[in-house]
N, C-alpha and C. Protein backbone atom coordinates (compact mmCIF):
# COMPACT_ATOMS: atom_id res chain seq x y z
N MET A 1 -97.80 1.29 81.58
CA MET A 1 -97.40 2.25 81.90
C MET A 1 -96.14 1.92 82.04
N LYS A 2 -95.22 0.91 82.55
CA LYS A 2 -93.90 0.96 82.82
C LYS A 2 -93.28 1.10 81.78
N LYS A 3 -93.69 0.45 80.43
CA LYS A 3 -93.23 0.91 79.32
C LYS A 3 -93.13 2.12 78.85
N LEU A 4 -94.10 2.93 79.10
CA LEU A 4 -93.77 4.34 78.59
C LEU A 4 -92.78 4.94 79.48
N TRP A 5 -92.95 4.67 80.75
CA TRP A 5 -92.15 5.24 81.61
C TRP A 5 -90.52 5.02 81.22
N LYS A 6 -90.26 3.81 80.62
CA LYS A 6 -89.03 3.44 80.45
C LYS A 6 -88.70 4.22 79.23
N ASN A 7 -89.59 4.78 78.21
CA ASN A 7 -89.32 5.81 77.14
C ASN A 7 -88.77 7.39 77.60
N LYS A 8 -87.37 7.45 77.32
CA LYS A 8 -86.83 8.47 77.70
C LYS A 8 -87.78 9.84 77.26
N ILE A 9 -88.08 9.87 75.96
CA ILE A 9 -88.78 11.13 75.59
C ILE A 9 -90.20 11.26 76.31
N PHE A 10 -90.50 10.20 76.72
CA PHE A 10 -91.89 10.32 77.64
C PHE A 10 -91.54 10.98 78.69
N LYS A 11 -90.66 10.35 79.36
CA LYS A 11 -90.31 10.42 80.93
C LYS A 11 -89.93 11.95 80.99
N TYR A 12 -88.89 12.19 80.04
CA TYR A 12 -88.28 13.64 80.18
C TYR A 12 -89.23 14.91 79.73
N GLY A 13 -90.20 14.34 78.78
CA GLY A 13 -91.04 15.37 78.56
C GLY A 13 -92.46 15.50 79.72
N LEU A 14 -92.65 14.53 80.09
CA LEU A 14 -93.52 14.55 81.32
C LEU A 14 -93.07 15.37 82.59
N ILE A 15 -91.72 15.22 82.97
CA ILE A 15 -91.04 15.78 83.96
C ILE A 15 -91.00 17.28 83.46
N GLY A 16 -90.50 17.37 82.20
CA GLY A 16 -90.45 19.08 81.81
C GLY A 16 -91.83 19.66 81.84
N ILE A 17 -93.04 18.86 81.60
CA ILE A 17 -94.36 19.69 81.39
C ILE A 17 -94.57 20.01 82.92
N VAL A 18 -94.36 18.90 83.85
CA VAL A 18 -94.73 19.12 85.34
C VAL A 18 -93.87 20.37 85.97
N LEU A 19 -92.40 20.68 85.59
CA LEU A 19 -91.73 21.57 85.90
C LEU A 19 -92.33 22.89 85.37
N ILE A 20 -92.78 22.95 84.45
CA ILE A 20 -93.30 24.17 83.68
C ILE A 20 -94.66 24.49 84.33
N VAL A 21 -95.49 23.71 84.65
CA VAL A 21 -96.61 23.88 85.49
C VAL A 21 -96.34 24.27 86.93
N LEU A 22 -95.26 23.77 87.64
CA LEU A 22 -95.12 24.62 88.80
C LEU A 22 -94.33 25.79 88.65
N GLY A 23 -93.46 25.95 87.63
CA GLY A 23 -92.98 27.27 87.58
C GLY A 23 -94.09 28.28 87.40
N GLY A 24 -94.58 28.12 86.48
CA GLY A 24 -95.74 28.68 86.19
C GLY A 24 -96.60 29.44 87.46
N ALA A 25 -96.96 28.47 87.84
CA ALA A 25 -98.00 28.59 89.24
C ALA A 25 -97.00 29.37 90.35
N GLY A 26 -95.94 28.99 90.46
CA GLY A 26 -94.75 29.70 91.37
C GLY A 26 -94.68 31.13 91.22
N PHE A 27 -94.28 31.47 89.82
CA PHE A 27 -94.33 32.90 89.31
C PHE A 27 -95.74 33.71 89.45
N LEU A 28 -97.01 32.92 89.10
CA LEU A 28 -98.17 33.67 89.56
C LEU A 28 -98.38 33.82 90.91
N GLY A 29 -98.01 32.96 91.87
CA GLY A 29 -98.14 33.02 93.01
C GLY A 29 -97.18 34.19 93.78
N TYR A 30 -96.24 34.05 93.35
CA TYR A 30 -95.28 35.19 93.44
C TYR A 30 -95.61 36.58 93.31
N TYR A 31 -96.31 36.57 92.03
CA TYR A 31 -96.61 38.05 91.45
C TYR A 31 -97.88 38.44 92.20
N ARG A 32 -98.80 37.72 92.50
CA ARG A 32 -99.74 37.89 93.31
C ARG A 32 -99.51 38.48 94.62
N LEU A 33 -98.75 37.57 95.33
CA LEU A 33 -98.11 38.23 96.76
C LEU A 33 -97.55 39.62 96.45
N ALA A 34 -96.71 39.84 95.44
CA ALA A 34 -96.00 41.28 95.45
C ALA A 34 -96.82 41.93 95.22
N ARG A 35 -98.15 41.75 94.68
CA ARG A 35 -99.16 42.97 94.57
C ARG A 35 -100.11 43.23 95.58
N VAL A 36 -99.99 42.41 96.92
CA VAL A 36 -100.82 42.53 97.79
C VAL A 36 -100.66 43.97 98.40
N GLN A 37 -101.67 44.58 98.67
CA GLN A 37 -101.77 45.81 99.34
C GLN A 37 -101.90 45.66 100.63
N GLY A 38 -100.95 46.59 101.56
CA GLY A 38 -100.79 46.43 103.07
C GLY A 38 -102.01 47.28 103.47
N VAL A 39 -102.37 47.08 104.87
CA VAL A 39 -103.38 47.79 105.45
C VAL A 39 -102.67 48.78 106.32
N ILE A 40 -103.32 50.01 105.79
CA ILE A 40 -102.71 51.40 106.57
C ILE A 40 -103.49 51.65 107.78
N SER A 41 -102.67 52.27 108.55
CA SER A 41 -103.06 52.57 110.26
C SER A 41 -103.50 53.93 109.77
N SER A 42 -104.92 54.28 110.79
CA SER A 42 -105.52 55.68 110.46
C SER A 42 -104.59 56.71 111.05
N TYR A 43 -104.64 57.87 110.41
CA TYR A 43 -104.18 58.89 110.83
C TYR A 43 -104.64 60.72 110.38
N GLU A 44 -104.38 61.12 110.81
CA GLU A 44 -104.98 62.76 110.37
C GLU A 44 -103.79 63.68 110.01
N ILE A 45 -104.28 64.43 108.91
CA ILE A 45 -103.69 65.60 108.46
C ILE A 45 -104.66 67.00 108.78
N ASN A 46 -103.95 67.92 109.36
CA ASN A 46 -104.48 69.11 109.76
C ASN A 46 -105.25 68.84 110.92
N LYS A 47 -104.95 68.06 111.70
CA LYS A 47 -105.76 67.69 113.03
C LYS A 47 -106.25 68.66 113.71
N GLU A 48 -105.60 69.92 113.82
CA GLU A 48 -105.79 71.09 114.71
C GLU A 48 -107.33 71.60 114.00
N LEU A 49 -107.45 71.27 112.72
CA LEU A 49 -108.89 71.71 112.20
C LEU A 49 -110.03 71.06 112.55
N LYS A 50 -109.95 69.71 113.18
CA LYS A 50 -110.99 68.61 113.43
C LYS A 50 -112.49 69.51 114.28
N GLU A 51 -112.00 70.12 115.00
CA GLU A 51 -113.13 70.72 115.71
C GLU A 51 -113.67 72.17 115.25
N LYS A 52 -113.00 72.69 114.41
CA LYS A 52 -113.40 74.06 113.92
C LYS A 52 -114.30 73.69 113.15
N SER A 53 -115.80 74.63 113.10
CA SER A 53 -116.71 74.36 112.38
C SER A 53 -116.64 74.89 110.99
N ASN A 54 -115.70 76.04 110.59
CA ASN A 54 -115.60 76.35 109.27
C ASN A 54 -114.62 75.83 108.52
N SER A 55 -114.18 74.44 109.22
CA SER A 55 -113.23 73.83 108.15
C SER A 55 -113.86 72.74 107.26
N TYR A 56 -113.20 72.46 106.27
CA TYR A 56 -113.94 71.09 105.45
C TYR A 56 -113.35 70.02 106.33
N LYS A 57 -114.34 69.23 105.87
CA LYS A 57 -114.05 67.72 106.68
C LYS A 57 -113.93 66.49 105.61
N ALA A 58 -112.48 66.17 105.43
CA ALA A 58 -112.91 65.05 104.27
C ALA A 58 -112.28 63.65 104.79
N VAL A 59 -112.07 62.60 104.37
CA VAL A 59 -111.88 61.05 104.68
C VAL A 59 -111.05 60.93 103.32
N ILE A 60 -110.31 60.04 103.23
CA ILE A 60 -109.25 59.35 102.30
C ILE A 60 -109.01 57.95 102.82
N TYR A 61 -109.67 57.02 101.89
CA TYR A 61 -109.63 55.74 101.88
C TYR A 61 -108.71 55.21 101.16
N THR A 62 -107.60 54.80 101.85
CA THR A 62 -106.63 54.01 100.85
C THR A 62 -105.54 52.65 101.54
N GLN A 63 -104.69 52.43 100.73
CA GLN A 63 -103.87 51.16 101.04
C GLN A 63 -102.54 51.53 101.53
N ASP A 64 -102.03 50.67 102.26
CA ASP A 64 -100.47 50.99 102.54
C ASP A 64 -99.60 50.30 101.22
N ARG A 65 -99.19 51.21 100.62
CA ARG A 65 -98.35 50.85 99.29
C ARG A 65 -97.48 52.07 99.14
N ALA A 66 -96.36 52.03 98.56
CA ALA A 66 -95.11 53.14 98.49
C ALA A 66 -95.60 54.06 97.63
N PHE A 67 -96.42 53.91 96.57
CA PHE A 67 -96.89 54.79 95.36
C PHE A 67 -97.85 55.46 96.20
N LYS A 68 -99.19 54.84 96.79
CA LYS A 68 -100.33 55.59 97.71
C LYS A 68 -99.66 56.43 98.83
N ASN A 69 -98.46 56.00 99.37
CA ASN A 69 -98.20 56.68 100.48
C ASN A 69 -97.34 58.31 99.93
N GLU A 70 -96.65 57.65 98.87
CA GLU A 70 -96.28 59.03 98.31
C GLU A 70 -97.47 60.01 97.95
N VAL A 71 -98.24 59.66 97.09
CA VAL A 71 -99.28 60.66 96.88
C VAL A 71 -100.01 61.38 98.26
N ILE A 72 -100.20 60.71 99.22
CA ILE A 72 -100.70 61.01 100.50
C ILE A 72 -99.68 62.18 100.92
N ASN A 73 -98.51 61.99 100.93
CA ASN A 73 -97.53 62.65 101.39
C ASN A 73 -97.48 64.06 100.72
N GLU A 74 -97.58 63.78 99.61
CA GLU A 74 -97.42 64.95 98.28
C GLU A 74 -98.59 66.07 98.84
N LEU A 75 -99.56 65.38 99.25
CA LEU A 75 -100.94 65.89 99.16
C LEU A 75 -100.91 66.69 100.54
N LYS A 76 -100.47 66.23 101.54
CA LYS A 76 -100.24 66.49 103.09
C LYS A 76 -99.44 67.95 102.75
N LYS A 77 -98.31 67.84 102.04
CA LYS A 77 -97.53 69.25 101.82
C LYS A 77 -98.51 70.28 101.40
N ASN A 78 -99.10 69.99 100.37
CA ASN A 78 -99.96 70.77 99.45
C ASN A 78 -101.09 71.44 100.39
N LEU A 79 -101.70 70.38 101.37
CA LEU A 79 -102.65 71.01 102.20
C LEU A 79 -102.38 71.88 103.51
N VAL A 80 -100.81 72.07 103.82
CA VAL A 80 -100.49 72.66 104.87
C VAL A 80 -101.32 74.14 105.35
N ASP A 81 -101.44 74.86 104.38
CA ASP A 81 -102.36 76.15 104.25
C ASP A 81 -103.82 76.22 103.94
N GLU A 82 -104.02 75.16 103.68
CA GLU A 82 -105.74 74.98 103.69
C GLU A 82 -106.60 74.67 104.75
N ASN A 83 -107.84 74.76 104.69
CA ASN A 83 -108.95 74.99 105.74
C ASN A 83 -109.41 73.53 105.89
N ILE A 84 -108.51 72.56 105.33
CA ILE A 84 -109.23 71.21 105.21
C ILE A 84 -108.67 70.13 106.61
N TYR A 85 -109.22 69.25 107.14
CA TYR A 85 -108.99 68.58 107.97
C TYR A 85 -109.18 66.96 107.22
N LEU A 86 -108.19 66.31 106.95
CA LEU A 86 -108.48 65.08 106.28
C LEU A 86 -107.95 64.29 107.53
N GLN A 87 -109.02 62.94 107.37
CA GLN A 87 -108.65 61.67 107.88
C GLN A 87 -108.42 60.44 106.96
N VAL A 88 -107.36 59.78 107.15
CA VAL A 88 -106.78 58.96 106.52
C VAL A 88 -107.12 57.61 106.98
N GLU A 89 -108.00 56.48 106.23
CA GLU A 89 -108.41 55.33 106.87
C GLU A 89 -108.21 54.35 106.20
N PRO A 90 -107.93 52.87 106.44
CA PRO A 90 -107.87 51.83 105.50
C PRO A 90 -109.27 51.70 104.84
N VAL A 91 -108.66 51.22 103.48
CA VAL A 91 -109.90 51.31 102.57
C VAL A 91 -110.70 49.86 103.07
N GLU A 92 -110.50 49.16 103.74
CA GLU A 92 -111.32 48.01 104.32
C GLU A 92 -112.31 48.21 105.29
N GLU A 93 -112.16 49.53 105.71
CA GLU A 93 -113.17 50.34 106.56
C GLU A 93 -114.21 51.18 105.61
N ILE A 94 -114.28 51.10 104.59
CA ILE A 94 -115.15 52.02 103.75
C ILE A 94 -116.46 51.60 104.14
N GLY A 95 -116.92 50.42 104.14
CA GLY A 95 -118.22 50.02 104.29
C GLY A 95 -118.99 50.68 105.52
N GLU A 96 -118.07 51.15 106.53
CA GLU A 96 -118.57 51.78 107.76
C GLU A 96 -118.84 53.03 107.89
N ASN A 97 -118.39 53.44 106.36
CA ASN A 97 -118.18 55.39 106.02
C ASN A 97 -119.93 55.57 106.06
N LYS A 98 -120.34 56.84 106.78
CA LYS A 98 -121.47 57.15 106.53
C LYS A 98 -121.05 58.58 105.73
N ILE A 99 -121.26 58.77 104.45
CA ILE A 99 -121.07 59.54 103.72
C ILE A 99 -121.39 60.99 104.07
N GLU A 100 -122.69 61.01 104.43
CA GLU A 100 -123.15 62.21 105.12
C GLU A 100 -122.19 63.04 106.24
N ASP A 101 -121.51 62.34 107.02
CA ASP A 101 -120.69 63.01 107.74
C ASP A 101 -119.42 63.47 107.29
N TRP A 102 -119.20 63.46 106.23
CA TRP A 102 -117.92 64.18 105.21
C TRP A 102 -118.62 65.28 104.62
N ASP A 103 -117.73 66.47 104.33
CA ASP A 103 -117.92 67.17 103.09
C ASP A 103 -117.34 66.43 101.92
N LYS A 104 -116.08 65.86 102.01
CA LYS A 104 -115.58 64.77 100.68
C LYS A 104 -115.59 63.41 101.06
N VAL A 105 -115.28 62.54 100.17
CA VAL A 105 -114.65 61.49 100.38
C VAL A 105 -114.16 60.77 99.36
N ILE A 106 -112.82 60.24 99.48
CA ILE A 106 -111.90 60.17 98.29
C ILE A 106 -111.48 58.91 98.64
N VAL A 107 -111.50 58.10 97.50
CA VAL A 107 -111.03 56.79 97.77
C VAL A 107 -109.75 56.44 96.88
N LEU A 108 -108.52 56.27 97.34
CA LEU A 108 -107.51 55.88 96.51
C LEU A 108 -107.26 54.57 96.65
N SER A 109 -107.29 53.67 95.93
CA SER A 109 -107.28 52.14 95.80
C SER A 109 -106.67 51.45 94.61
N THR A 110 -106.53 50.37 94.57
CA THR A 110 -106.02 49.58 93.42
C THR A 110 -106.79 48.90 92.79
N VAL A 111 -106.61 48.45 91.54
CA VAL A 111 -107.31 47.42 90.78
C VAL A 111 -106.49 46.06 90.56
N GLN A 112 -107.21 45.13 91.33
CA GLN A 112 -106.64 43.63 90.85
C GLN A 112 -107.88 42.74 90.34
N SER A 113 -107.28 42.16 89.89
CA SER A 113 -108.23 41.01 89.08
C SER A 113 -109.42 41.85 88.37
N SER A 114 -108.69 42.82 87.73
CA SER A 114 -109.87 43.77 87.06
C SER A 114 -110.99 44.38 87.77
N ASP A 115 -110.92 44.51 89.10
CA ASP A 115 -111.72 45.49 89.91
C ASP A 115 -110.86 45.72 91.03
N PRO A 116 -111.40 47.02 91.61
CA PRO A 116 -111.05 47.43 93.08
C PRO A 116 -111.51 46.51 94.19
N PRO A 117 -110.93 46.35 95.56
CA PRO A 117 -111.30 45.69 96.22
C PRO A 117 -113.08 45.67 96.28
N LYS A 118 -113.78 44.46 97.01
CA LYS A 118 -115.02 44.43 97.17
C LYS A 118 -115.80 45.30 97.95
N GLU A 119 -115.05 45.79 99.10
CA GLU A 119 -115.81 46.83 99.76
C GLU A 119 -115.81 47.98 98.94
N VAL A 120 -114.49 48.33 98.27
CA VAL A 120 -114.55 49.62 97.45
C VAL A 120 -115.85 49.64 96.44
N LEU A 121 -115.77 48.52 95.46
CA LEU A 121 -116.64 48.62 94.81
C LEU A 121 -118.07 48.67 95.00
N ASP A 122 -118.49 47.85 96.12
CA ASP A 122 -119.84 47.91 96.73
C ASP A 122 -120.17 49.32 96.99
N TYR A 123 -119.19 50.02 97.78
CA TYR A 123 -119.18 51.48 98.33
C TYR A 123 -119.37 52.41 97.00
N LEU A 124 -118.63 52.10 95.97
CA LEU A 124 -118.83 52.85 94.59
C LEU A 124 -120.26 52.77 94.24
N ASN A 125 -120.77 51.61 94.32
CA ASN A 125 -122.03 51.41 93.27
C ASN A 125 -123.16 51.94 94.17
N LYS A 126 -122.85 52.15 95.61
CA LYS A 126 -124.09 52.60 96.39
C LYS A 126 -124.29 54.13 96.52
N HIS A 127 -123.06 54.48 96.12
CA HIS A 127 -122.69 55.96 96.59
C HIS A 127 -122.58 56.72 94.97
N LYS A 128 -122.72 56.10 93.77
CA LYS A 128 -122.29 56.46 92.48
C LYS A 128 -122.78 57.99 92.18
N ASP A 129 -123.69 58.48 92.69
CA ASP A 129 -124.28 59.49 92.13
C ASP A 129 -124.04 60.83 93.13
N GLU A 130 -123.12 60.48 94.06
CA GLU A 130 -122.85 61.52 95.07
C GLU A 130 -121.40 62.40 94.75
N GLU A 131 -121.75 63.58 94.70
CA GLU A 131 -120.75 64.68 94.14
C GLU A 131 -119.82 64.76 95.06
N LYS A 132 -119.79 64.47 96.36
CA LYS A 132 -118.85 64.58 97.38
C LYS A 132 -117.84 63.41 97.34
N LEU A 133 -118.07 62.40 96.60
CA LEU A 133 -117.17 61.24 96.17
C LEU A 133 -116.24 61.27 95.16
N SER A 134 -114.91 61.20 95.05
CA SER A 134 -114.32 61.22 94.47
C SER A 134 -113.03 59.88 94.36
N VAL A 135 -112.91 59.33 93.23
CA VAL A 135 -112.30 58.11 93.22
C VAL A 135 -110.90 57.78 92.10
N TYR A 136 -109.71 57.44 93.20
CA TYR A 136 -108.42 57.22 92.17
C TYR A 136 -108.15 55.99 92.20
N LEU A 137 -107.88 55.34 91.20
CA LEU A 137 -107.40 53.68 91.21
C LEU A 137 -106.09 53.72 90.48
N THR A 138 -105.35 52.68 91.07
CA THR A 138 -103.93 52.75 90.37
C THR A 138 -104.19 51.28 90.02
N ALA A 139 -103.46 50.92 88.58
CA ALA A 139 -103.58 49.59 87.88
C ALA A 139 -102.12 49.77 86.94
N ASP A 140 -101.81 48.57 87.00
CA ASP A 140 -100.58 48.33 86.35
C ASP A 140 -100.64 48.91 84.67
N SER A 141 -101.92 48.30 84.51
CA SER A 141 -102.18 48.94 82.77
C SER A 141 -102.58 50.25 82.49
N GLY A 142 -102.83 51.09 83.88
CA GLY A 142 -103.02 52.49 83.93
C GLY A 142 -104.75 52.51 83.35
N ALA A 143 -105.57 51.53 83.45
CA ALA A 143 -106.84 51.80 83.41
C ALA A 143 -107.71 50.51 83.94
N TRP A 144 -108.92 51.23 84.21
CA TRP A 144 -109.68 50.04 84.95
C TRP A 144 -110.79 49.52 83.70
N SER A 145 -110.38 48.24 83.39
CA SER A 145 -110.94 47.56 82.16
C SER A 145 -112.68 47.32 82.28
N LYS A 146 -113.07 47.13 83.66
CA LYS A 146 -114.52 47.07 83.83
C LYS A 146 -115.24 48.27 84.16
N ASP A 147 -114.64 49.51 84.24
CA ASP A 147 -114.80 50.71 84.59
C ASP A 147 -116.60 50.89 84.19
N PRO A 148 -117.47 50.87 84.90
CA PRO A 148 -118.91 51.11 84.78
C PRO A 148 -119.20 52.31 84.00
N GLY A 149 -118.42 53.37 84.05
CA GLY A 149 -118.86 54.55 82.96
C GLY A 149 -119.88 55.41 83.63
N HIS A 150 -120.23 55.28 84.99
CA HIS A 150 -121.23 56.27 85.87
C HIS A 150 -120.89 56.54 86.82
N LEU A 151 -119.49 56.26 86.91
CA LEU A 151 -118.30 57.23 87.95
C LEU A 151 -117.38 58.14 87.45
N ASP A 152 -116.95 59.02 88.03
CA ASP A 152 -115.94 59.87 87.49
C ASP A 152 -114.44 59.38 88.11
N VAL A 153 -113.76 58.49 87.50
CA VAL A 153 -112.51 57.80 88.51
C VAL A 153 -111.18 57.97 87.43
N THR A 154 -110.39 58.59 88.52
CA THR A 154 -108.73 58.82 87.80
C THR A 154 -108.35 57.68 87.87
N THR A 155 -107.66 56.99 86.67
CA THR A 155 -106.92 56.06 86.64
C THR A 155 -105.57 55.81 86.21
N ALA A 156 -104.39 55.45 86.79
CA ALA A 156 -103.28 55.45 86.34
C ALA A 156 -102.22 54.42 87.04
N ALA A 157 -100.99 54.26 86.21
CA ALA A 157 -100.24 53.16 86.67
C ALA A 157 -99.60 53.69 87.81
N SER A 158 -99.20 52.98 88.80
CA SER A 158 -98.35 53.49 90.10
C SER A 158 -96.99 53.48 89.71
N LYS A 159 -96.86 54.62 89.14
CA LYS A 159 -95.65 55.41 88.68
C LYS A 159 -95.19 56.70 89.29
N SER A 160 -94.09 57.03 89.90
CA SER A 160 -93.45 57.98 90.57
C SER A 160 -94.19 59.19 89.93
N GLU A 161 -94.04 59.33 88.57
CA GLU A 161 -94.46 60.53 87.80
C GLU A 161 -95.75 60.82 88.04
N ASN A 162 -96.87 59.90 88.31
CA ASN A 162 -98.15 59.87 88.42
C ASN A 162 -98.71 60.24 89.81
N ALA A 163 -97.68 60.20 91.09
CA ALA A 163 -97.87 60.75 92.24
C ALA A 163 -98.39 62.06 92.36
N THR A 164 -97.82 62.98 91.55
CA THR A 164 -98.04 64.36 91.65
C THR A 164 -99.47 64.62 90.69
N VAL A 165 -99.76 63.89 89.88
CA VAL A 165 -101.03 64.03 89.24
C VAL A 165 -102.18 63.69 89.79
N PHE A 166 -101.72 62.58 90.78
CA PHE A 166 -102.85 62.37 91.84
C PHE A 166 -103.40 63.25 92.98
N SER A 167 -102.13 63.53 93.29
CA SER A 167 -102.03 64.42 94.54
C SER A 167 -102.52 65.91 94.10
N ARG A 168 -102.32 66.38 92.91
CA ARG A 168 -103.04 67.69 92.12
C ARG A 168 -104.21 67.58 92.10
N LYS A 169 -105.16 66.41 91.61
CA LYS A 169 -106.47 66.06 91.29
C LYS A 169 -107.21 66.04 92.65
N ILE A 170 -106.38 65.46 93.76
CA ILE A 170 -107.29 65.11 94.50
C ILE A 170 -107.26 66.60 95.30
N LYS A 171 -106.31 67.33 95.37
CA LYS A 171 -106.49 68.64 96.12
C LYS A 171 -107.30 69.47 95.41
N GLU A 172 -107.55 69.72 94.04
CA GLU A 172 -108.35 70.28 93.40
C GLU A 172 -109.84 69.99 93.56
N PHE A 173 -110.08 68.68 93.93
CA PHE A 173 -111.42 68.10 94.26
C PHE A 173 -111.58 68.81 95.43
N LEU A 174 -110.58 68.43 96.86
CA LEU A 174 -111.21 68.66 97.94
C LEU A 174 -111.26 70.43 98.14
N LEU A 175 -110.97 71.48 97.08
CA LEU A 175 -110.82 72.81 97.15
C LEU A 175 -112.12 73.15 96.10
N ASN A 176 -112.44 72.14 95.51
CA ASN A 176 -113.91 72.85 94.87
C ASN A 176 -115.19 72.26 95.62
């Protein structure tokens, strides 16, 4: 081994390989951390309609990310004159949701490692035949590669120009 280590080509080649592996691992770690979705705090939109019996009641499960916040803020502006109470909840709490408590259930989540978060995927599979459920997923590629096909899912990249598309589609879903 000492002979090999004295060989400059071997020594620099080995050091180079180690640096490339460490650099690649560091990049992948940074990329993964940069894509981590935050946990949103619960809040309400059109709170004054919560107790009115003739208002639509909907819940949106989402994450704390600039794009998703932009979609919800645009949706909030578009719902000012509508008879819709909307509760915004963290996507991590979706498993506790009783779908029968709501007129509409919206999932605005992300695709990471080819799937939405496990809680979301479990919930979608459990309620795949519910017409009151609508799913909106963001993905860098703009597509969910493992889309099971039995769900009506809107998928797009997290780009500002897609915020209007998402908020418009969510509003249409809420009004129908």
